[in-house]
């Protein structure tokens, strides 16, 4: 009985040792990832990726490097520009004037108190010049020929960024993915469209221009211009103008992002520029 008991004790001790060794080895091994059967994500075939569009540079013109560009448009053969005035840039002002293509001089016609208002986008409709402000929810209306102030009105959008027109409505951006259509006769909103790119909302829409039935928009903090279908809000294509940004930055290292699209309908020419850019570029798309 004693020999058998001793044998059993030895076997039990051996079993305990093997078990402990197995536990230690397992604990020392790196964790192995759990094996899963993965399925490759299915591409939504109903969404076509927005294509990159091409452009060519036609010419470049001088531009006032103190102009913090917020709006740009052609009216009666003259290039009108609206500027804002950030507090940290003392040389800037919230103004509307004529940008001289030959000299780059900004000929001020309107100036609002930059301590109260930050000038934003502009449009001309029916010989009236409309000017947005950034956070005051106020728009000013002037005679487009004399620049005399006529009236002002309030809008419900929290912010005012860019403006354009399809000839019937004021089309306004406010930094979101939405574009608001406003009736110019009573200044009431008539509809809102959501802009989407590849099926997702595209925010930070800034300066706008209506060209041949489409809305073109700068995207804030980028060098992209997007082409928007006004009926659906879908982005149909986009332009990457980083080359022009880098060309301008080589002349003025302090410039900021591109902002400003103007279409000269009579000459069928498109111009773009940006905040504090030394050049204004004529491009063909």
C-alpha atoms as a PDB file:
ATOM      1  CA  UNK A   1       0.000   0.000   0.000  1.00  0.00           C
ATOM      2  CA  UNK A   2       2.821   2.441   0.867  1.00  0.00           C
ATOM      3  CA  UNK A   3       4.645   1.730  -2.482  1.00  0.00           C
ATOM      4  CA  UNK A   4       1.433   2.158  -4.428  1.00  0.00           C
ATOM      5  CA  UNK A   5       0.696   5.341  -2.545  1.00  0.00           C
ATOM      6  CA  UNK A   6       4.171   6.669  -3.281  1.00  0.00           C
ATOM      7  CA  UNK A   7       3.747   5.855  -7.000  1.00  0.00           C
ATOM      8  CA  UNK A   8       0.436   7.650  -7.089  1.00  0.00           C
ATOM      9  CA  UNK A   9       1.963  10.693  -5.389  1.00  0.00           C
ATOM     10  CA  UNK A  10       4.796  10.770  -7.966  1.00  0.00           C
ATOM     11  CA  UNK A  11       2.351  10.554 -10.892  1.00  0.00           C
ATOM     12  CA  UNK A  12       0.135  13.236  -9.361  1.00  0.00           C
ATOM     13  CA  UNK A  13       3.124  15.545  -8.874  1.00  0.00           C
ATOM     14  CA  UNK A  14       4.238  14.899 -12.462  1.00  0.00           C
ATOM     15  CA  UNK A  15       0.725  15.734 -13.742  1.00  0.00           C
ATOM     16  CA  UNK A  16       0.675  18.942 -11.708  1.00  0.00           C
ATOM     17  CA  UNK A  17       4.082  19.939 -13.126  1.00  0.00           C
ATOM     18  CA  UNK A  18       3.085  19.302 -16.736  1.00  0.00           C
ATOM     19  CA  UNK A  19      -0.130  21.249 -16.266  1.00  0.00           C
ATOM     20  CA  UNK A  20       1.668  24.222 -14.702  1.00  0.00           C
ATOM     21  CA  UNK A  21       4.247  24.191 -17.516  1.00  0.00           C
ATOM     22  CA  UNK A  22       1.487  24.251 -20.113  1.00  0.00           C
ATOM     23  CA  UNK A  23      -0.156  27.214 -18.380  1.00  0.00           C
ATOM     24  CA  UNK A  24       3.138  29.146 -18.219  1.00  0.00           C
ATOM     25  CA  UNK A  25       3.913  28.472 -21.897  1.00  0.00           C
ATOM     26  CA  UNK A  26       0.441  29.590 -22.932  1.00  0.00           C
ATOM     27  CA  UNK A  27       0.756  32.754 -20.859  1.00  0.00           C
ATOM     28  CA  UNK A  28       4.107  33.607 -22.455  1.00  0.00           C
ATOM     29  CA  UNK A  29       2.856  33.252 -26.019  1.00  0.00           C
ATOM     30  CA  UNK A  30       1.651  36.456 -27.731  1.00  0.00           C
ATOM     31  CA  UNK A  31      -2.090  36.838 -28.074  1.00  0.00           C
ATOM     32  CA  UNK A  32      -3.245  35.445 -31.352  1.00  0.00           C
ATOM     33  CA  UNK A  33      -5.927  37.361 -33.163  1.00  0.00           C
ATOM     34  CA  UNK A  34      -9.233  35.667 -33.339  1.00  0.00           C
ATOM     35  CA  UNK A  35      -9.736  34.094 -36.710  1.00  0.00           C
ATOM     36  CA  UNK A  36     -12.646  35.638 -38.529  1.00  0.00           C
ATOM     37  CA  UNK A  37     -14.177  35.088 -41.848  1.00  0.00           C
ATOM     38  CA  UNK A  38     -14.185  38.575 -43.320  1.00  0.00           C
ATOM     39  CA  UNK A  39     -16.165  39.804 -46.241  1.00  0.00           C
ATOM     40  CA  UNK A  40     -14.717  42.547 -48.412  1.00  0.00           C
ATOM     41  CA  UNK A  41     -16.783  45.738 -48.189  1.00  0.00           C
ATOM     42  CA  UNK A  42     -19.250  46.007 -51.008  1.00  0.00           C
ATOM     43  CA  UNK A  43     -18.980  49.153 -53.097  1.00  0.00           C
ATOM     44  CA  UNK A  44     -22.225  51.027 -53.530  1.00  0.00           C
ATOM     45  CA  UNK A  45     -22.691  50.760 -57.254  1.00  0.00           C
ATOM     46  CA  UNK A  46     -25.388  53.447 -57.172  1.00  0.00           C
ATOM     47  CA  UNK A  47     -22.823  56.137 -56.291  1.00  0.00           C
ATOM     48  CA  UNK A  48     -20.457  57.289 -59.008  1.00  0.00           C
ATOM     49  CA  UNK A  49     -17.300  58.942 -57.731  1.00  0.00           C
ATOM     50  CA  UNK A  50     -17.049  62.621 -58.605  1.00  0.00           C
ATOM     51  CA  UNK A  51     -14.566  63.053 -61.464  1.00  0.00           C
ATOM     52  CA  UNK A  52     -11.682  65.510 -61.408  1.00  0.00           C
ATOM     53  CA  UNK A  53     -12.139  68.136 -64.101  1.00  0.00           C
ATOM     54  CA  UNK A  54      -9.409  69.832 -66.073  1.00  0.00           C
ATOM     55  CA  UNK A  55      -8.696  73.481 -66.702  1.00  0.00           C
ATOM     56  CA  UNK A  56      -6.084  75.521 -68.513  1.00  0.00           C
ATOM     57  CA  UNK A  57      -4.480  78.802 -67.522  1.00  0.00           C
ATOM     58  CA  UNK A  58      -5.122  81.583 -70.026  1.00  0.00           C
ATOM     59  CA  UNK A  59      -3.564  84.596 -68.302  1.00  0.00           C
ATOM     60  CA  UNK A  60      -2.820  86.130 -64.927  1.00  0.00           C
ATOM     61  CA  UNK A  61      -3.287  89.690 -63.753  1.00  0.00           C
ATOM     62  CA  UNK A  62      -2.114  91.678 -60.714  1.00  0.00           C
ATOM     63  CA  UNK A  63      -4.323  91.668 -57.621  1.00  0.00           C
ATOM     64  CA  UNK A  64      -4.218  93.725 -54.423  1.00  0.00           C
ATOM     65  CA  UNK A  65      -2.570  91.599 -51.715  1.00  0.00           C
ATOM     66  CA  UNK A  66      -4.527  93.501 -49.047  1.00  0.00           C
ATOM     67  CA  UNK A  67      -7.836  92.278 -50.475  1.00  0.00           C
ATOM     68  CA  UNK A  68      -9.301  89.540 -48.277  1.00  0.00           C
ATOM     69  CA  UNK A  69     -11.535  88.349 -51.108  1.00  0.00           C
ATOM     70  CA  UNK A  70     -15.060  87.199 -50.231  1.00  0.00           C
ATOM     71  CA  UNK A  71     -16.958  87.921 -53.445  1.00  0.00           C
ATOM     72  CA  UNK A  72     -16.120  88.402 -57.110  1.00  0.00           C
ATOM     73  CA  UNK A  73     -18.312  89.124 -60.151  1.00  0.00           C
ATOM     74  CA  UNK A  74     -18.524  90.947 -63.481  1.00  0.00           C
ATOM     75  CA  UNK A  75     -21.018  93.739 -64.024  1.00  0.00           C
ATOM     76  CA  UNK A  76     -21.075  95.874 -67.165  1.00  0.00           C
ATOM     77  CA  UNK A  77     -17.538  94.927 -68.061  1.00  0.00           C
ATOM     78  CA  UNK A  78     -16.099  95.737 -64.639  1.00  0.00           C
ATOM     79  CA  UNK A  79     -14.829  93.292 -62.050  1.00  0.00           C
ATOM     80  CA  UNK A  80     -16.497  93.933 -58.700  1.00  0.00           C
ATOM     81  CA  UNK A  81     -14.875  92.551 -55.565  1.00  0.00           C
ATOM     82  CA  UNK A  82     -16.084  92.260 -51.996  1.00  0.00           C
ATOM     83  CA  UNK A  83     -13.598  91.984 -49.121  1.00  0.00           C
ATOM     84  CA  UNK A  84     -13.670  91.130 -45.437  1.00  0.00           C
ATOM     85  CA  UNK A  85     -11.539  92.359 -42.570  1.00  0.00           C
ATOM     86  CA  UNK A  86     -10.226  89.861 -39.984  1.00  0.00           C
ATOM     87  CA  UNK A  87      -9.258  91.526 -36.709  1.00  0.00           C
ATOM     88  CA  UNK A  88      -5.696  90.242 -36.914  1.00  0.00           C
ATOM     89  CA  UNK A  89      -5.124  91.877 -40.316  1.00  0.00           C
ATOM     90  CA  UNK A  90      -5.162  95.605 -39.714  1.00  0.00           C
ATOM     91  CA  UNK A  91      -4.653  96.469 -43.379  1.00  0.00           C
ATOM     92  CA  UNK A  92      -7.881  94.784 -44.497  1.00  0.00           C
ATOM     93  CA  UNK A  93     -11.338  96.327 -44.713  1.00  0.00           C
ATOM     94  CA  UNK A  94     -14.907  95.260 -45.314  1.00  0.00           C
ATOM     95  CA  UNK A  95     -15.513  96.921 -48.646  1.00  0.00           C
ATOM     96  CA  UNK A  96     -16.849  96.582 -52.170  1.00  0.00           C
ATOM     97  CA  UNK A  97     -14.990  98.062 -55.095  1.00  0.00           C
ATOM     98  CA  UNK A  98     -13.710  97.664 -58.616  1.00  0.00           C
ATOM     99  CA  UNK A  99     -10.630  95.513 -59.186  1.00  0.00           C
ATOM    100  CA  UNK A 100      -8.537  96.892 -62.039  1.00  0.00           C
ATOM    101  CA  UNK A 101      -7.266  94.015 -64.185  1.00  0.00           C
ATOM    102  CA  UNK A 102      -4.424  96.061 -65.614  1.00  0.00           C
ATOM    103  CA  UNK A 103      -2.976  97.536 -62.433  1.00  0.00           C
ATOM    104  CA  UNK A 104      -4.397  95.337 -59.671  1.00  0.00           C
ATOM    105  CA  UNK A 105      -5.650  98.445 -57.874  1.00  0.00           C
ATOM    106  CA  UNK A 106      -8.754  98.038 -55.712  1.00  0.00           C
ATOM    107  CA  UNK A 107     -10.953 101.100 -56.207  1.00  0.00           C
ATOM    108  CA  UNK A 108     -13.189 101.224 -53.155  1.00  0.00           C
ATOM    109  CA  UNK A 109     -16.833 102.195 -53.701  1.00  0.00           C
ATOM    110  CA  UNK A 110     -18.495 100.968 -50.490  1.00  0.00           C
ATOM    111  CA  UNK A 111     -17.124 100.430 -47.005  1.00  0.00           C
ATOM    112  CA  UNK A 112     -18.951  99.147 -43.927  1.00  0.00           C
ATOM    113  CA  UNK A 113     -17.742  99.480 -40.347  1.00  0.00           C
ATOM    114  CA  UNK A 114     -15.417  96.518 -39.833  1.00  0.00           C
ATOM    115  CA  UNK A 115     -15.820  96.801 -36.072  1.00  0.00           C
ATOM    116  CA  UNK A 116     -19.454  95.780 -36.550  1.00  0.00           C
ATOM    117  CA  UNK A 117     -19.659  93.955 -39.880  1.00  0.00           C
ATOM    118  CA  UNK A 118     -17.507  91.504 -41.799  1.00  0.00           C
ATOM    119  CA  UNK A 119     -18.114  91.846 -45.539  1.00  0.00           C
ATOM    120  CA  UNK A 120     -18.916  88.658 -47.442  1.00  0.00           C
ATOM    121  CA  UNK A 121     -20.334  87.677 -50.847  1.00  0.00           C
ATOM    122  CA  UNK A 122     -21.987  89.956 -53.400  1.00  0.00           C
ATOM    123  CA  UNK A 123     -24.318  89.695 -56.390  1.00  0.00           C
ATOM    124  CA  UNK A 124     -25.975  92.087 -58.824  1.00  0.00           C
ATOM    125  CA  UNK A 125     -29.635  91.619 -59.823  1.00  0.00           C
ATOM    126  CA  UNK A 126     -31.822  94.116 -61.623  1.00  0.00           C
ATOM    127  CA  UNK A 127     -29.203  96.853 -61.212  1.00  0.00           C
ATOM    128  CA  UNK A 128     -29.084  96.288 -57.459  1.00  0.00           C
ATOM    129  CA  UNK A 129     -25.937  95.216 -55.623  1.00  0.00           C
ATOM    130  CA  UNK A 130     -26.445  92.890 -52.665  1.00  0.00           C
ATOM    131  CA  UNK A 131     -23.793  92.434 -49.971  1.00  0.00           C
ATOM    132  CA  UNK A 132     -23.811  89.763 -47.260  1.00  0.00           C
ATOM    133  CA  UNK A 133     -22.313  90.075 -43.800  1.00  0.00           C
ATOM    134  CA  UNK A 134     -20.734  87.212 -41.893  1.00  0.00           C
ATOM    135  CA  UNK A 135     -22.522  86.825 -38.540  1.00  0.00           C
ATOM    136  CA  UNK A 136     -24.909  89.792 -38.322  1.00  0.00           C
ATOM    137  CA  UNK A 137     -27.651  88.118 -40.402  1.00  0.00           C
ATOM    138  CA  UNK A 138     -27.883  91.355 -42.380  1.00  0.00           C
ATOM    139  CA  UNK A 139     -27.596  92.047 -46.107  1.00  0.00           C
ATOM    140  CA  UNK A 140     -27.169  95.501 -47.605  1.00  0.00           C
ATOM    141  CA  UNK A 141     -28.648  96.566 -50.943  1.00  0.00           C
ATOM    142  CA  UNK A 142     -27.148  99.341 -53.088  1.00  0.00           C
ATOM    143  CA  UNK A 143     -27.693 100.897 -56.470  1.00  0.00           C
ATOM    144  CA  UNK A 144     -25.244  98.922 -58.623  1.00  0.00           C
ATOM    145  CA  UNK A 145     -24.341 101.977 -60.708  1.00  0.00           C
ATOM    146  CA  UNK A 146     -24.042 104.721 -58.084  1.00  0.00           C
ATOM    147  CA  UNK A 147     -23.261 102.472 -55.066  1.00  0.00           C
ATOM    148  CA  UNK A 148     -25.806 104.421 -53.052  1.00  0.00           C
ATOM    149  CA  UNK A 149     -27.322 102.385 -50.221  1.00  0.00           C
ATOM    150  CA  UNK A 150     -31.016 101.617 -50.711  1.00  0.00           C
ATOM    151  CA  UNK A 151     -32.176  99.211 -48.010  1.00  0.00           C
ATOM    152  CA  UNK A 152     -31.032  96.354 -45.840  1.00  0.00           C
ATOM    153  CA  UNK A 153     -32.742  93.120 -44.854  1.00  0.00           C
ATOM    154  CA  UNK A 154     -32.312  90.260 -42.426  1.00  0.00           C
ATOM    155  CA  UNK A 155     -32.010  86.572 -43.227  1.00  0.00           C
ATOM    156  CA  UNK A 156     -32.440  83.548 -40.970  1.00  0.00           C
ATOM    157  CA  UNK A 157     -29.201  81.732 -41.853  1.00  0.00           C
ATOM    158  CA  UNK A 158     -26.805  81.923 -38.918  1.00  0.00           C
ATOM    159  CA  UNK A 159     -23.991  83.061 -41.192  1.00  0.00           C
ATOM    160  CA  UNK A 160     -23.564  84.643 -44.616  1.00  0.00           C
ATOM    161  CA  UNK A 161     -20.746  83.393 -46.878  1.00  0.00           C
ATOM    162  CA  UNK A 162     -21.213  83.520 -50.653  1.00  0.00           C
ATOM    163  CA  UNK A 163     -23.853  84.562 -53.164  1.00  0.00           C
ATOM    164  CA  UNK A 164     -24.779  84.096 -56.788  1.00  0.00           C
ATOM    165  CA  UNK A 165     -27.951  84.218 -58.862  1.00  0.00           C
ATOM    166  CA  UNK A 166     -29.636  82.146 -61.549  1.00  0.00           C
ATOM    167  CA  UNK A 167     -31.403  85.276 -62.765  1.00  0.00           C
ATOM    168  CA  UNK A 168     -34.513  84.597 -60.702  1.00  0.00           C
ATOM    169  CA  UNK A 169     -33.370  83.910 -57.151  1.00  0.00           C
ATOM    170  CA  UNK A 170     -30.550  84.925 -54.867  1.00  0.00           C
ATOM    171  CA  UNK A 171     -28.552  81.773 -54.085  1.00  0.00           C
ATOM    172  CA  UNK A 172     -26.693  81.968 -50.792  1.00  0.00           C
ATOM    173  CA  UNK A 173     -24.150  79.807 -48.984  1.00  0.00           C
ATOM    174  CA  UNK A 174     -23.676  79.873 -45.229  1.00  0.00           C
ATOM    175  CA  UNK A 175     -20.738  77.540 -44.589  1.00  0.00           C
ATOM    176  CA  UNK A 176     -22.880  74.426 -44.330  1.00  0.00           C
ATOM    177  CA  UNK A 177     -23.756  71.907 -47.041  1.00  0.00           C
ATOM    178  CA  UNK A 178     -26.921  73.868 -47.842  1.00  0.00           C
ATOM    179  CA  UNK A 179     -27.623  76.515 -50.464  1.00  0.00           C
ATOM    180  CA  UNK A 180     -30.568  78.814 -49.748  1.00  0.00           C
ATOM    181  CA  UNK A 181     -32.716  80.330 -52.492  1.00  0.00           C
ATOM    182  CA  UNK A 182     -34.094  83.772 -51.623  1.00  0.00           C
ATOM    183  CA  UNK A 183     -36.789  85.759 -53.386  1.00  0.00           C
ATOM    184  CA  UNK A 184     -35.200  89.173 -54.169  1.00  0.00           C
ATOM    185  CA  UNK A 185     -38.543  90.985 -54.031  1.00  0.00           C
ATOM    186  CA  UNK A 186     -39.431  90.106 -50.423  1.00  0.00           C
ATOM    187  CA  UNK A 187     -36.153  88.530 -49.203  1.00  0.00           C
ATOM    188  CA  UNK A 188     -37.924  85.373 -48.068  1.00  0.00           C
ATOM    189  CA  UNK A 189     -36.350  81.934 -48.408  1.00  0.00           C
ATOM    190  CA  UNK A 190     -38.094  79.854 -51.064  1.00  0.00           C
ATOM    191  CA  UNK A 191     -36.143  76.600 -50.881  1.00  0.00           C
ATOM    192  CA  UNK A 192     -32.932  74.970 -49.706  1.00  0.00           C
ATOM    193  CA  UNK A 193     -30.875  72.359 -51.522  1.00  0.00           C
ATOM    194  CA  UNK A 194     -28.322  70.085 -49.906  1.00  0.00           C
ATOM    195  CA  UNK A 195     -25.034  69.705 -51.777  1.00  0.00           C
ATOM    196  CA  UNK A 196     -23.585  66.189 -51.800  1.00  0.00           C
ATOM    197  CA  UNK A 197     -20.315  64.740 -53.050  1.00  0.00           C
ATOM    198  CA  UNK A 198     -20.096  60.969 -53.580  1.00  0.00           C
ATOM    199  CA  UNK A 199     -23.299  60.586 -51.593  1.00  0.00           C
ATOM    200  CA  UNK A 200     -22.089  62.594 -48.570  1.00  0.00           C
ATOM    201  CA  UNK A 201     -22.945  66.148 -47.537  1.00  0.00           C
ATOM    202  CA  UNK A 202     -20.314  68.655 -48.655  1.00  0.00           C
ATOM    203  CA  UNK A 203     -19.848  71.415 -46.100  1.00  0.00           C
ATOM    204  CA  UNK A 204     -17.910  74.699 -46.154  1.00  0.00           C
ATOM    205  CA  UNK A 205     -19.356  75.939 -49.437  1.00  0.00           C
ATOM    206  CA  UNK A 206     -18.102  79.485 -49.849  1.00  0.00           C
ATOM    207  CA  UNK A 207     -17.993  81.902 -52.795  1.00  0.00           C
ATOM    208  CA  UNK A 208     -20.427  80.994 -55.574  1.00  0.00           C
ATOM    209  CA  UNK A 209     -20.836  81.657 -59.285  1.00  0.00           C
ATOM    210  CA  UNK A 210     -23.614  80.568 -61.656  1.00  0.00           C
ATOM    211  CA  UNK A 211     -22.113  79.558 -65.012  1.00  0.00           C
ATOM    212  CA  UNK A 212     -24.093  78.107 -67.912  1.00  0.00           C
ATOM    213  CA  UNK A 213     -26.732  76.466 -65.759  1.00  0.00           C
ATOM    214  CA  UNK A 214     -24.460  75.155 -62.994  1.00  0.00           C
ATOM    215  CA  UNK A 215     -23.339  76.487 -59.623  1.00  0.00           C
ATOM    216  CA  UNK A 216     -19.600  76.632 -59.038  1.00  0.00           C
ATOM    217  CA  UNK A 217     -18.417  76.923 -55.442  1.00  0.00           C
ATOM    218  CA  UNK A 218     -15.161  77.386 -53.593  1.00  0.00           C
ATOM    219  CA  UNK A 219     -14.727  74.922 -50.739  1.00  0.00           C
ATOM    220  CA  UNK A 220     -13.346  76.777 -47.713  1.00  0.00           C
ATOM    221  CA  UNK A 221      -9.806  75.948 -46.592  1.00  0.00           C
ATOM    222  CA  UNK A 222      -9.101  74.081 -49.842  1.00  0.00           C
ATOM    223  CA  UNK A 223      -8.025  74.909 -53.375  1.00  0.00           C
ATOM    224  CA  UNK A 224     -11.013  73.065 -54.851  1.00  0.00           C
ATOM    225  CA  UNK A 225     -13.876  74.418 -56.917  1.00  0.00           C
ATOM    226  CA  UNK A 226     -16.882  72.113 -57.261  1.00  0.00           C
ATOM    227  CA  UNK A 227     -19.469  72.057 -60.033  1.00  0.00           C
ATOM    228  CA  UNK A 228     -22.988  71.580 -58.648  1.00  0.00           C
ATOM    229  CA  UNK A 229     -26.225  70.537 -60.341  1.00  0.00           C
ATOM    230  CA  UNK A 230     -28.761  73.075 -58.993  1.00  0.00           C
ATOM    231  CA  UNK A 231     -31.625  70.637 -59.541  1.00  0.00           C
ATOM    232  CA  UNK A 232     -30.233  67.815 -57.417  1.00  0.00           C
ATOM    233  CA  UNK A 233     -27.463  69.401 -55.339  1.00  0.00           C
ATOM    234  CA  UNK A 234     -25.049  66.743 -56.543  1.00  0.00           C
ATOM    235  CA  UNK A 235     -21.436  67.658 -57.217  1.00  0.00           C
ATOM    236  CA  UNK A 236     -20.808  66.698 -60.845  1.00  0.00           C
ATOM    237  CA  UNK A 237     -17.072  67.362 -60.858  1.00  0.00           C
ATOM    238  CA  UNK A 238     -14.304  69.259 -59.106  1.00  0.00           C
ATOM    239  CA  UNK A 239     -11.243  71.298 -60.037  1.00  0.00           C
ATOM    240  CA  UNK A 240      -7.994  71.191 -58.105  1.00  0.00           C
ATOM    241  CA  UNK A 241      -6.308  74.571 -58.506  1.00  0.00           C
ATOM    242  CA  UNK A 242      -3.416  73.911 -56.151  1.00  0.00           C
ATOM    243  CA  UNK A 243      -0.951  74.825 -58.904  1.00  0.00           C
ATOM    244  CA  UNK A 244      -2.323  78.359 -58.989  1.00  0.00           C
ATOM    245  CA  UNK A 245      -2.286  78.553 -55.201  1.00  0.00           C
ATOM    246  CA  UNK A 246       1.391  77.586 -55.123  1.00  0.00           C
ATOM    247  CA  UNK A 247       2.192  80.053 -57.911  1.00  0.00           C
ATOM    248  CA  UNK A 248       0.522  82.860 -55.957  1.00  0.00           C
ATOM    249  CA  UNK A 249       2.130  81.802 -52.673  1.00  0.00           C
ATOM    250  CA  UNK A 250       5.563  82.081 -54.251  1.00  0.00           C
ATOM    251  CA  UNK A 251       4.827  85.808 -54.579  1.00  0.00           C
ATOM    252  CA  UNK A 252       3.034  86.317 -51.256  1.00  0.00           C
ATOM    253  CA  UNK A 253       3.787  83.736 -48.575  1.00  0.00           C
ATOM    254  CA  UNK A 254       1.078  85.221 -46.321  1.00  0.00           C
ATOM    255  CA  UNK A 255      -1.833  84.484 -48.609  1.00  0.00           C
ATOM    256  CA  UNK A 256      -4.710  82.195 -47.621  1.00  0.00           C
ATOM    257  CA  UNK A 257      -7.026  79.842 -49.492  1.00  0.00           C
ATOM    258  CA  UNK A 258      -8.608  80.400 -52.869  1.00  0.00           C
ATOM    259  CA  UNK A 259     -11.902  82.285 -52.737  1.00  0.00           C
ATOM    260  CA  UNK A 260     -13.409  84.137 -55.641  1.00  0.00           C
ATOM    261  CA  UNK A 261     -14.977  83.055 -58.950  1.00  0.00           C
ATOM    262  CA  UNK A 262     -16.159  85.535 -61.563  1.00  0.00           C
ATOM    263  CA  UNK A 263     -17.738  84.784 -64.938  1.00  0.00           C
ATOM    264  CA  UNK A 264     -17.666  87.392 -67.684  1.00  0.00           C
ATOM    265  CA  UNK A 265     -20.656  86.183 -69.666  1.00  0.00           C
ATOM    266  CA  UNK A 266     -20.151  88.605 -72.551  1.00  0.00           C
ATOM    267  CA  UNK A 267     -16.541  87.528 -73.127  1.00  0.00           C
ATOM    268  CA  UNK A 268     -17.100  83.944 -71.911  1.00  0.00           C
ATOM    269  CA  UNK A 269     -14.179  84.204 -69.496  1.00  0.00           C
ATOM    270  CA  UNK A 270     -13.707  82.859 -65.981  1.00  0.00           C
ATOM    271  CA  UNK A 271     -11.489  84.475 -63.353  1.00  0.00           C
ATOM    272  CA  UNK A 272     -10.444  83.152 -59.966  1.00  0.00           C
ATOM    273  CA  UNK A 273      -8.424  84.522 -57.068  1.00  0.00           C
ATOM    274  CA  UNK A 274      -8.061  84.131 -53.308  1.00  0.00           C
ATOM    275  CA  UNK A 275      -7.617  85.886 -50.007  1.00  0.00           C
ATOM    276  CA  UNK A 276      -4.557  88.159 -50.151  1.00  0.00           C
ATOM    277  CA  UNK A 277      -3.516  86.688 -53.499  1.00  0.00           C
ATOM    278  CA  UNK A 278      -1.122  88.766 -55.625  1.00  0.00           C
ATOM    279  CA  UNK A 279      -2.696  87.487 -58.822  1.00  0.00           C
ATOM    280  CA  UNK A 280      -6.061  87.067 -60.425  1.00  0.00           C
ATOM    281  CA  UNK A 281      -6.111  84.162 -62.908  1.00  0.00           C
ATOM    282  CA  UNK A 282      -8.113  83.743 -66.087  1.00  0.00           C
ATOM    283  CA  UNK A 283      -8.828  80.054 -66.660  1.00  0.00           C
ATOM    284  CA  UNK A 284     -10.626  77.969 -69.233  1.00  0.00           C
ATOM    285  CA  UNK A 285     -12.638  74.933 -68.148  1.00  0.00           C
END
